[in-house]
Structures are given as C-alpha cells and as structure tokens.
Amino acid sequence: MACGWSRDARVEGSQRRSRGVSGIARAGFLMMVAGILMTTGCARVPDEAAGPLVRRTLTVDFTVAGRINPLYYYYIALDTGGNPVEGPVPVVAFPWGNGWGTGKITHFVLYHLGTFGVFRFVPGTDLLQANALGTPFDFNRPEEAPGNRIRVTLDVDATLGQDVNVVNLNIIATDRINIEPTSLETKVVDALGFTGNQFLTLPLDIPQTFTNSQLTDPEQAGDVPPALQPGVEEEDLDIIDWSAEVQINQ
C-alpha cells in the first residue's frame, strides 16, 4: 500500500571524499567484488530463508530510460545508521575512493556482468573493503523483457540486522569504476535527485510503499549529462522511476 511522502522525508546528503589510499588497495577491492560476483552463484541471503521465516522484507524496484547493460554497474546503497543528514551518495570526481559511492554506506547490492551480489562494508576501511553476503533474497532477471528494470528483495533481519528500523537508501548507476585517485577520467553517473545526493530515509518497522511519483522533483528521463567517453549509452544509466516497499509478516 502506498503512503504519503513529504519532501522532509528525503534529505540531501552531503558528499564526503574518502581519505587517500593506494591504487593497489582500490584495485584489490575492485577485483574482490568482481570475483565474488562471478562465483556467488544462486546462494541467497540467508541461504535457508523461506517465506514464513522472513519477518521483514525491503523490495527496491527501478527502471532506466534505455536498457539494463550488464557491462555497467547498478548499485543499491544502504546505510543502517539511519541519520537523515548523512547517507549514501555517488562518487563523481577524484579522489575516487572505491570508484562509485561515498558518504555513509554500510551495505550494498550490485548488479554487474549479469549477476547480483549483496555486500557489507568492513567498518574503518574507508568503504574500500567489503564482505560478500550472497545474493538477494529475491530478484528479477534484468535481461528479460522489457529489459530496463531491476527489482531486488532483501530479508531485512538477515541482511541488515534485527535491530535496524531505519535505513538510508540511494540508487547509483555508472558506466565505469575509476579507482586511480588522481585520474581525470570522466564517467556517467545517475542517482536519486537532481544532484544524485538526495538519498531516501526509510522506516523499516511500518509496512508501506514509497514511490518516485510522490516526490516533488521525481526522477525523469534526460537528467543525465552527456557522456564524454565514446560508446557510452547514457539512457542505460538514466534512472526514470523507482519504488521501495517494506513488508512485515506477523
């Protein structure tokens, strides 16, 4: 069921640059993520989860103007701290940090190379080290028609924690991962809000659905700057609609 959403319910996060580390550390993190995505298989979080055992679920659904490109990177970034003034925001310039996300992030879901993965950042590593948790509790197949949609369901208690009742959330789409801290290479990025920094703050203890259309400045086609690199399809990264649904099973 849908609920009303005021502009105060979504707060613009302040982008913070991560502290400098070596390119080797960044490369190692990127290789770790790629390797996990290739070997995760069909394991779910949690592996033994079944319908009656799942108390709370969070389903995030979003579409792009073009098609979901398996060579690109599509993130659902989460912060279980729930502080409405700081949360997940995209990396758009050097120093690149992990190449895609900064601010406050504790967990993330990544779709890349045709595979979903769920990860938890290791505290105190400047968002450069993450542990793999498996794949989402449920997910769609983005390559199937209409081909422009990603839908992911998480078991809140098993993935985020039984005591987590508020989460900050952002959706980040990018064509490449820059990890060299001084690189001037450009990339295409889209995330929630005109600047991409307007993450959502969602309560997880009330069953409800939040939608793009409830916002005063919803995501729409054409708000991604033109790519400066040849061969990049901006439409495949242009988020045009989204929803986030919390379900609670008594």
C-alpha atoms as a PDB file:
ATOM      1  CA  MET A   1       0.000   0.000   0.000  1.00  0.00           C
ATOM      2  CA  ALA A   2       1.189   3.464  -0.778  1.00  0.00           C
ATOM      3  CA  CYS A   3       1.705   6.158   1.802  1.00  0.00           C
ATOM      4  CA  GLY A   4       2.119   9.892   1.599  1.00  0.00           C
ATOM      5  CA  TRP A   5       5.642  11.262   1.291  1.00  0.00           C
ATOM      6  CA  SER A   6       6.683  14.776   2.175  1.00  0.00           C
ATOM      7  CA  ARG A   7       9.833  16.434   0.931  1.00  0.00           C
ATOM      8  CA  ASP A   8      11.146  16.404   4.511  1.00  0.00           C
ATOM      9  CA  ALA A   9      11.210  12.621   4.358  1.00  0.00           C
ATOM     10  CA  ARG A  10      14.108  12.747   1.959  1.00  0.00           C
ATOM     11  CA  VAL A  11      17.189  14.685   2.893  1.00  0.00           C
ATOM     12  CA  GLU A  12      20.030  15.773   0.686  1.00  0.00           C
ATOM     13  CA  GLY A  13      23.223  14.127   1.882  1.00  0.00           C
ATOM     14  CA  SER A  14      26.487  15.992   1.898  1.00  0.00           C
ATOM     15  CA  GLN A  15      29.084  14.304  -0.299  1.00  0.00           C
ATOM     16  CA  ARG A  16      32.281  13.489   1.505  1.00  0.00           C
ATOM     17  CA  ARG A  17      35.538  12.434  -0.085  1.00  0.00           C
ATOM     18  CA  SER A  18      37.230   9.348   1.269  1.00  0.00           C
ATOM     19  CA  ARG A  19      40.769   9.569   2.575  1.00  0.00           C
ATOM     20  CA  GLY A  20      43.514   8.723   0.136  1.00  0.00           C
ATOM     21  CA  VAL A  21      44.801   5.168  -0.106  1.00  0.00           C
ATOM     22  CA  SER A  22      46.974   3.452  -2.642  1.00  0.00           C
ATOM     23  CA  GLY A  23      45.751   2.479  -6.073  1.00  0.00           C
ATOM     24  CA  ILE A  24      46.721  -1.088  -5.200  1.00  0.00           C
ATOM     25  CA  ALA A  25      44.208  -1.162  -2.353  1.00  0.00           C
ATOM     26  CA  ARG A  26      41.488   0.163  -4.611  1.00  0.00           C
ATOM     27  CA  ALA A  27      42.344  -2.319  -7.339  1.00  0.00           C
ATOM     28  CA  GLY A  28      42.274  -5.148  -4.830  1.00  0.00           C
ATOM     29  CA  PHE A  29      38.805  -4.157  -3.673  1.00  0.00           C
ATOM     30  CA  LEU A  30      37.533  -3.969  -7.254  1.00  0.00           C
ATOM     31  CA  MET A  31      38.992  -7.373  -8.106  1.00  0.00           C
ATOM     32  CA  MET A  32      37.437  -8.840  -4.962  1.00  0.00           C
ATOM     33  CA  VAL A  33      33.986  -7.593  -5.938  1.00  0.00           C
ATOM     34  CA  ALA A  34      34.337  -8.864  -9.499  1.00  0.00           C
ATOM     35  CA  GLY A  35      35.487 -12.277  -8.291  1.00  0.00           C
ATOM     36  CA  ILE A  36      32.626 -12.598  -5.845  1.00  0.00           C
ATOM     37  CA  LEU A  37      30.070 -11.710  -8.488  1.00  0.00           C
ATOM     38  CA  MET A  38      31.434 -14.435 -10.733  1.00  0.00           C
ATOM     39  CA  THR A  39      31.393 -17.113  -8.020  1.00  0.00           C
ATOM     40  CA  THR A  40      28.359 -16.247  -5.899  1.00  0.00           C
ATOM     41  CA  GLY A  41      26.020 -18.466  -7.898  1.00  0.00           C
ATOM     42  CA  CYS A  42      22.482 -18.781  -6.588  1.00  0.00           C
ATOM     43  CA  ALA A  43      23.139 -18.533  -2.838  1.00  0.00           C
ATOM     44  CA  ARG A  44      20.595 -16.290  -1.150  1.00  0.00           C
ATOM     45  CA  VAL A  45      20.770 -14.186   1.982  1.00  0.00           C
ATOM     46  CA  PRO A  46      20.076 -16.112   4.101  1.00  0.00           C
ATOM     47  CA  ASP A  47      20.541 -19.449   2.315  1.00  0.00           C
ATOM     48  CA  GLU A  48      17.902 -21.198   4.419  1.00  0.00           C
ATOM     49  CA  ALA A  49      15.352 -18.388   4.260  1.00  0.00           C
ATOM     50  CA  ALA A  50      11.801 -19.346   3.374  1.00  0.00           C
ATOM     51  CA  GLY A  51       8.583 -17.347   3.242  1.00  0.00           C
ATOM     52  CA  PRO A  52       7.235 -17.894   6.791  1.00  0.00           C
ATOM     53  CA  LEU A  53      10.686 -17.316   8.333  1.00  0.00           C
ATOM     54  CA  VAL A  54      11.147 -13.871   6.815  1.00  0.00           C
ATOM     55  CA  ARG A  55       9.743 -11.231   9.159  1.00  0.00           C
ATOM     56  CA  ARG A  56      10.582  -8.101   7.161  1.00  0.00           C
ATOM     57  CA  THR A  57      11.456  -7.515   3.528  1.00  0.00           C
ATOM     58  CA  LEU A  58      12.612  -4.463   1.597  1.00  0.00           C
ATOM     59  CA  THR A  59      11.946  -4.509  -2.140  1.00  0.00           C
ATOM     60  CA  VAL A  60      13.649  -1.912  -4.336  1.00  0.00           C
ATOM     61  CA  ASP A  61      12.474  -1.586  -7.932  1.00  0.00           C
ATOM     62  CA  PHE A  62      13.836   0.844 -10.518  1.00  0.00           C
ATOM     63  CA  THR A  63      13.843   1.367 -14.269  1.00  0.00           C
ATOM     64  CA  VAL A  64      16.131   3.190 -16.679  1.00  0.00           C
ATOM     65  CA  ALA A  65      15.317   5.070 -19.872  1.00  0.00           C
ATOM     66  CA  GLY A  66      17.256   2.620 -22.032  1.00  0.00           C
ATOM     67  CA  ARG A  67      18.144  -0.941 -21.092  1.00  0.00           C
ATOM     68  CA  ILE A  68      19.987  -2.538 -18.195  1.00  0.00           C
ATOM     69  CA  ASN A  69      23.500  -3.033 -19.551  1.00  0.00           C
ATOM     70  CA  PRO A  70      25.319  -5.937 -17.853  1.00  0.00           C
ATOM     71  CA  LEU A  71      28.659  -4.201 -18.505  1.00  0.00           C
ATOM     72  CA  TYR A  72      27.607  -1.215 -16.405  1.00  0.00           C
ATOM     73  CA  TYR A  73      27.322  -1.029 -12.612  1.00  0.00           C
ATOM     74  CA  TYR A  74      23.977  -0.690 -10.819  1.00  0.00           C
ATOM     75  CA  TYR A  75      24.082  -0.202  -7.048  1.00  0.00           C
ATOM     76  CA  ILE A  76      21.508  -0.065  -4.281  1.00  0.00           C
ATOM     77  CA  ALA A  77      23.474   1.618  -1.492  1.00  0.00           C
ATOM     78  CA  LEU A  78      22.255   1.334   2.103  1.00  0.00           C
ATOM     79  CA  ASP A  79      23.206   2.904   5.421  1.00  0.00           C
ATOM     80  CA  THR A  80      21.766   1.285   8.523  1.00  0.00           C
ATOM     81  CA  GLY A  81      22.753   4.233  10.716  1.00  0.00           C
ATOM     82  CA  GLY A  82      19.571   5.984   9.642  1.00  0.00           C
ATOM     83  CA  ASN A  83      20.953   9.502  10.241  1.00  0.00           C
ATOM     84  CA  PRO A  84      18.844  11.670   7.895  1.00  0.00           C
ATOM     85  CA  VAL A  85      21.642  14.176   7.312  1.00  0.00           C
ATOM     86  CA  GLU A  86      24.287  11.766   6.011  1.00  0.00           C
ATOM     87  CA  GLY A  87      23.927   8.716   3.830  1.00  0.00           C
ATOM     88  CA  PRO A  88      24.937   7.107   0.521  1.00  0.00           C
ATOM     89  CA  VAL A  89      25.952   9.456  -2.303  1.00  0.00           C
ATOM     90  CA  PRO A  90      27.759   8.799  -5.605  1.00  0.00           C
ATOM     91  CA  VAL A  91      31.413   9.469  -6.361  1.00  0.00           C
ATOM     92  CA  VAL A  92      31.607  11.855  -9.318  1.00  0.00           C
ATOM     93  CA  ALA A  93      35.181  13.205  -9.215  1.00  0.00           C
ATOM     94  CA  PHE A  94      38.642  12.478  -7.831  1.00  0.00           C
ATOM     95  CA  PRO A  95      39.781  11.295  -5.363  1.00  0.00           C
ATOM     96  CA  TRP A  96      37.678   8.350  -6.468  1.00  0.00           C
ATOM     97  CA  GLY A  97      37.784   6.193  -3.344  1.00  0.00           C
ATOM     98  CA  ASN A  98      36.092   2.895  -4.232  1.00  0.00           C
ATOM     99  CA  GLY A  99      35.018   4.362  -7.572  1.00  0.00           C
ATOM    100  CA  TRP A 100      31.277   4.578  -7.050  1.00  0.00           C
ATOM    101  CA  GLY A 101      29.987   5.501  -3.563  1.00  0.00           C
ATOM    102  CA  THR A 102      30.888   7.700  -0.610  1.00  0.00           C
ATOM    103  CA  GLY A 103      29.230   9.285   2.411  1.00  0.00           C
ATOM    104  CA  LYS A 104      27.737   6.778   4.840  1.00  0.00           C
ATOM    105  CA  ILE A 105      27.245   3.261   3.418  1.00  0.00           C
ATOM    106  CA  THR A 106      27.102   0.015   5.386  1.00  0.00           C
ATOM    107  CA  HIS A 107      25.691  -2.411   2.786  1.00  0.00           C
ATOM    108  CA  PHE A 108      25.115  -2.507  -0.952  1.00  0.00           C
ATOM    109  CA  VAL A 109      23.593  -4.599  -3.696  1.00  0.00           C
ATOM    110  CA  LEU A 110      25.437  -4.657  -7.021  1.00  0.00           C
ATOM    111  CA  TYR A 111      24.245  -5.834 -10.427  1.00  0.00           C
ATOM    112  CA  HIS A 112      27.137  -6.286 -12.869  1.00  0.00           C
ATOM    113  CA  LEU A 113      28.059  -8.872 -15.514  1.00  0.00           C
ATOM    114  CA  GLY A 114      24.575 -10.366 -15.282  1.00  0.00           C
ATOM    115  CA  THR A 115      24.866 -11.229 -11.576  1.00  0.00           C
ATOM    116  CA  PHE A 116      23.518  -9.803  -8.307  1.00  0.00           C
ATOM    117  CA  GLY A 117      25.618  -9.639  -5.152  1.00  0.00           C
ATOM    118  CA  VAL A 118      24.959  -8.394  -1.612  1.00  0.00           C
ATOM    119  CA  PHE A 119      27.894  -6.928   0.325  1.00  0.00           C
ATOM    120  CA  ARG A 120      28.655  -5.407   3.718  1.00  0.00           C
ATOM    121  CA  PHE A 121      31.459  -2.886   4.095  1.00  0.00           C
ATOM    122  CA  VAL A 122      34.100  -3.598   6.719  1.00  0.00           C
ATOM    123  CA  PRO A 123      33.998  -0.726   9.257  1.00  0.00           C
ATOM    124  CA  GLY A 124      37.045   1.515   9.350  1.00  0.00           C
ATOM    125  CA  THR A 125      38.217   0.754   5.798  1.00  0.00           C
ATOM    126  CA  ASP A 126      37.011   3.951   4.083  1.00  0.00           C
ATOM    127  CA  LEU A 127      34.487   1.901   2.078  1.00  0.00           C
ATOM    128  CA  LEU A 128      37.323   0.003   0.382  1.00  0.00           C
ATOM    129  CA  GLN A 129      36.802  -3.478   1.842  1.00  0.00           C
ATOM    130  CA  ALA A 130      33.550  -5.418   1.798  1.00  0.00           C
ATOM    131  CA  ASN A 131      32.431  -8.908   2.713  1.00  0.00           C
ATOM    132  CA  ALA A 132      30.140 -10.863   0.411  1.00  0.00           C
ATOM    133  CA  LEU A 133      26.822 -11.960   1.910  1.00  0.00           C
ATOM    134  CA  GLY A 134      25.484 -13.876  -1.100  1.00  0.00           C
ATOM    135  CA  THR A 135      22.702 -12.788  -3.427  1.00  0.00           C
ATOM    136  CA  PRO A 136      19.433 -11.027  -2.583  1.00  0.00           C
ATOM    137  CA  PHE A 137      16.532 -12.974  -1.099  1.00  0.00           C
ATOM    138  CA  ASP A 138      14.731 -12.479  -4.402  1.00  0.00           C
ATOM    139  CA  PHE A 139      15.499 -10.676  -7.657  1.00  0.00           C
ATOM    140  CA  ASN A 140      14.368 -10.382 -11.251  1.00  0.00           C
ATOM    141  CA  ARG A 141      16.282 -11.171 -14.420  1.00  0.00           C
ATOM    142  CA  PRO A 142      17.062  -7.752 -15.922  1.00  0.00           C
ATOM    143  CA  GLU A 143      17.943  -9.237 -19.295  1.00  0.00           C
ATOM    144  CA  GLU A 144      14.360 -10.397 -19.796  1.00  0.00           C
ATOM    145  CA  ALA A 145      11.704  -8.156 -21.374  1.00  0.00           C
ATOM    146  CA  PRO A 146      11.257  -5.241 -21.060  1.00  0.00           C
ATOM    147  CA  GLY A 147      14.963  -5.224 -20.204  1.00  0.00           C
ATOM    148  CA  ASN A 148      15.063  -1.871 -18.415  1.00  0.00           C
ATOM    149  CA  ARG A 149      14.204  -2.895 -14.857  1.00  0.00           C
ATOM    150  CA  ILE A 150      15.957  -4.117 -11.716  1.00  0.00           C
ATOM    151  CA  ARG A 151      13.932  -5.488  -8.815  1.00  0.00           C
ATOM    152  CA  VAL A 152      15.593  -6.761  -5.640  1.00  0.00           C
ATOM    153  CA  THR A 153      14.120  -8.043  -2.363  1.00  0.00           C
ATOM    154  CA  LEU A 154      16.196  -8.187   0.821  1.00  0.00           C
ATOM    155  CA  ASP A 155      15.483 -10.061   4.031  1.00  0.00           C
ATOM    156  CA  VAL A 156      15.892  -7.083   6.357  1.00  0.00           C
ATOM    157  CA  ASP A 157      16.624  -9.003   9.562  1.00  0.00           C
ATOM    158  CA  ALA A 158      19.119 -11.406   7.993  1.00  0.00           C
ATOM    159  CA  THR A 159      20.907  -8.853   5.815  1.00  0.00           C
ATOM    160  CA  LEU A 160      20.761  -5.556   7.718  1.00  0.00           C
ATOM    161  CA  GLY A 161      20.038  -6.708  11.277  1.00  0.00           C
ATOM    162  CA  GLN A 162      17.059  -7.377  13.520  1.00  0.00           C
ATOM    163  CA  ASP A 163      17.565  -4.116  15.402  1.00  0.00           C
ATOM    164  CA  VAL A 164      17.687  -1.923  12.280  1.00  0.00           C
ATOM    165  CA  ASN A 165      14.452   0.066  11.939  1.00  0.00           C
ATOM    166  CA  VAL A 166      15.569   2.925   9.670  1.00  0.00           C
ATOM    167  CA  VAL A 167      17.752   2.856   6.582  1.00  0.00           C
ATOM    168  CA  ASN A 168      19.141   5.449   4.189  1.00  0.00           C
ATOM    169  CA  LEU A 169      18.999   4.355   0.550  1.00  0.00           C
ATOM    170  CA  ASN A 170      20.288   5.594  -2.775  1.00  0.00           C
ATOM    171  CA  ILE A 171      20.311   4.053  -6.236  1.00  0.00           C
ATOM    172  CA  ILE A 172      23.543   4.674  -8.139  1.00  0.00           C
ATOM    173  CA  ALA A 173      24.175   3.749 -11.782  1.00  0.00           C
ATOM    174  CA  THR A 174      27.511   4.277 -13.520  1.00  0.00           C
ATOM    175  CA  ASP A 175      29.310   3.111 -16.639  1.00  0.00           C
ATOM    176  CA  ARG A 176      32.732   2.550 -15.091  1.00  0.00           C
ATOM    177  CA  ILE A 177      34.655   2.313 -11.823  1.00  0.00           C
ATOM    178  CA  ASN A 178      37.503   4.809 -11.511  1.00  0.00           C
ATOM    179  CA  ILE A 179      39.952   3.870  -8.743  1.00  0.00           C
ATOM    180  CA  GLU A 180      43.095   5.867  -9.532  1.00  0.00           C
ATOM    181  CA  PRO A 181      42.907   8.762  -7.041  1.00  0.00           C
ATOM    182  CA  THR A 182      44.349  11.397  -9.396  1.00  0.00           C
ATOM    183  CA  SER A 183      42.587  10.246 -12.566  1.00  0.00           C
ATOM    184  CA  LEU A 184      40.823  12.967 -14.543  1.00  0.00           C
ATOM    185  CA  GLU A 185      38.825  10.401 -16.496  1.00  0.00           C
ATOM    186  CA  THR A 186      35.147  11.239 -16.810  1.00  0.00           C
ATOM    187  CA  LYS A 187      32.255   8.900 -16.152  1.00  0.00           C
ATOM    188  CA  VAL A 188      28.468   8.931 -16.382  1.00  0.00           C
ATOM    189  CA  VAL A 189      26.609   8.707 -13.075  1.00  0.00           C
ATOM    190  CA  ASP A 190      22.952   8.888 -12.141  1.00  0.00           C
ATOM    191  CA  ALA A 191      21.466   8.641  -8.661  1.00  0.00           C
ATOM    192  CA  LEU A 192      18.409   9.930  -6.832  1.00  0.00           C
ATOM    193  CA  GLY A 193      17.740  13.653  -7.007  1.00  0.00           C
ATOM    194  CA  PHE A 194      18.970  16.287  -9.433  1.00  0.00           C
ATOM    195  CA  THR A 195      22.469  16.155  -7.960  1.00  0.00           C
ATOM    196  CA  GLY A 196      22.338  12.450  -7.078  1.00  0.00           C
ATOM    197  CA  ASN A 197      22.853  13.263  -3.399  1.00  0.00           C
ATOM    198  CA  GLN A 198      19.200  13.125  -2.317  1.00  0.00           C
ATOM    199  CA  PHE A 199      19.128   9.735  -0.670  1.00  0.00           C
ATOM    200  CA  LEU A 200      15.981   8.370   0.965  1.00  0.00           C
ATOM    201  CA  THR A 201      15.418   7.768   4.667  1.00  0.00           C
ATOM    202  CA  LEU A 202      13.022   4.835   5.066  1.00  0.00           C
ATOM    203  CA  PRO A 203      11.428   3.394   8.218  1.00  0.00           C
ATOM    204  CA  LEU A 204      11.570  -0.400   8.234  1.00  0.00           C
ATOM    205  CA  ASP A 205       9.101  -1.051  11.058  1.00  0.00           C
ATOM    206  CA  ILE A 206       5.966   0.032   9.158  1.00  0.00           C
ATOM    207  CA  PRO A 207       4.602  -1.756   6.053  1.00  0.00           C
ATOM    208  CA  GLN A 208       4.392   0.834   3.291  1.00  0.00           C
ATOM    209  CA  THR A 209       5.464   1.694  -0.239  1.00  0.00           C
ATOM    210  CA  PHE A 210       7.411   4.762  -1.294  1.00  0.00           C
ATOM    211  CA  THR A 211       7.332   5.799  -4.958  1.00  0.00           C
ATOM    212  CA  ASN A 212       9.081   8.189  -7.289  1.00  0.00           C
ATOM    213  CA  SER A 213       5.798   9.909  -8.177  1.00  0.00           C
ATOM    214  CA  GLN A 214       5.286  11.029  -4.577  1.00  0.00           C
ATOM    215  CA  LEU A 215       8.292  13.320  -4.689  1.00  0.00           C
ATOM    216  CA  THR A 216       8.141  16.980  -5.644  1.00  0.00           C
ATOM    217  CA  ASP A 217      11.071  16.535  -8.052  1.00  0.00           C
ATOM    218  CA  PRO A 218      10.843  12.897  -9.200  1.00  0.00           C
ATOM    219  CA  GLU A 219      13.367  11.093 -11.346  1.00  0.00           C
ATOM    220  CA  GLN A 220      12.689  11.586 -15.039  1.00  0.00           C
ATOM    221  CA  ALA A 221      14.320  10.885 -18.375  1.00  0.00           C
ATOM    222  CA  GLY A 222      17.040  13.170 -19.647  1.00  0.00           C
ATOM    223  CA  ASP A 223      18.646  14.315 -16.394  1.00  0.00           C
ATOM    224  CA  VAL A 224      21.963  12.555 -17.055  1.00  0.00           C
ATOM    225  CA  PRO A 225      24.729  14.729 -18.548  1.00  0.00           C
ATOM    226  CA  PRO A 226      26.036  13.654 -21.969  1.00  0.00           C
ATOM    227  CA  ALA A 227      28.860  11.141 -21.927  1.00  0.00           C
ATOM    228  CA  LEU A 228      32.289  12.490 -22.810  1.00  0.00           C
ATOM    229  CA  GLN A 229      33.652   8.998 -23.437  1.00  0.00           C
ATOM    230  CA  PRO A 230      32.784   7.340 -26.772  1.00  0.00           C
ATOM    231  CA  GLY A 231      30.461   4.359 -26.779  1.00  0.00           C
ATOM    232  CA  VAL A 232      28.608   5.142 -23.544  1.00  0.00           C
ATOM    233  CA  GLU A 233      24.820   4.858 -23.690  1.00  0.00           C
ATOM    234  CA  GLU A 234      23.546   7.434 -21.193  1.00  0.00           C
ATOM    235  CA  GLU A 235      19.997   6.090 -21.473  1.00  0.00           C
ATOM    236  CA  ASP A 236      21.120   2.803 -19.928  1.00  0.00           C
ATOM    237  CA  LEU A 237      22.126   4.715 -16.785  1.00  0.00           C
ATOM    238  CA  ASP A 238      19.287   7.245 -16.673  1.00  0.00           C
ATOM    239  CA  ILE A 239      17.029   6.287 -13.745  1.00  0.00           C
ATOM    240  CA  ILE A 240      13.459   7.296 -14.596  1.00  0.00           C
ATOM    241  CA  ASP A 241      11.344   5.563 -11.948  1.00  0.00           C
ATOM    242  CA  TRP A 242      11.732   3.728  -8.661  1.00  0.00           C
ATOM    243  CA  SER A 243       9.827   2.336  -5.691  1.00  0.00           C
ATOM    244  CA  ALA A 244      10.763   0.950  -2.279  1.00  0.00           C
ATOM    245  CA  GLU A 245       8.355  -1.352  -0.464  1.00  0.00           C
ATOM    246  CA  VAL A 246       8.575  -2.521   3.147  1.00  0.00           C
ATOM    247  CA  GLN A 247       6.578  -5.627   4.058  1.00  0.00           C
ATOM    248  CA  ILE A 248       6.177  -7.070   7.550  1.00  0.00           C
ATOM    249  CA  ASN A 249       4.942 -10.591   8.204  1.00  0.00           C
ATOM    250  CA  GLN A 250       3.351 -11.011  11.626  1.00  0.00           C
END
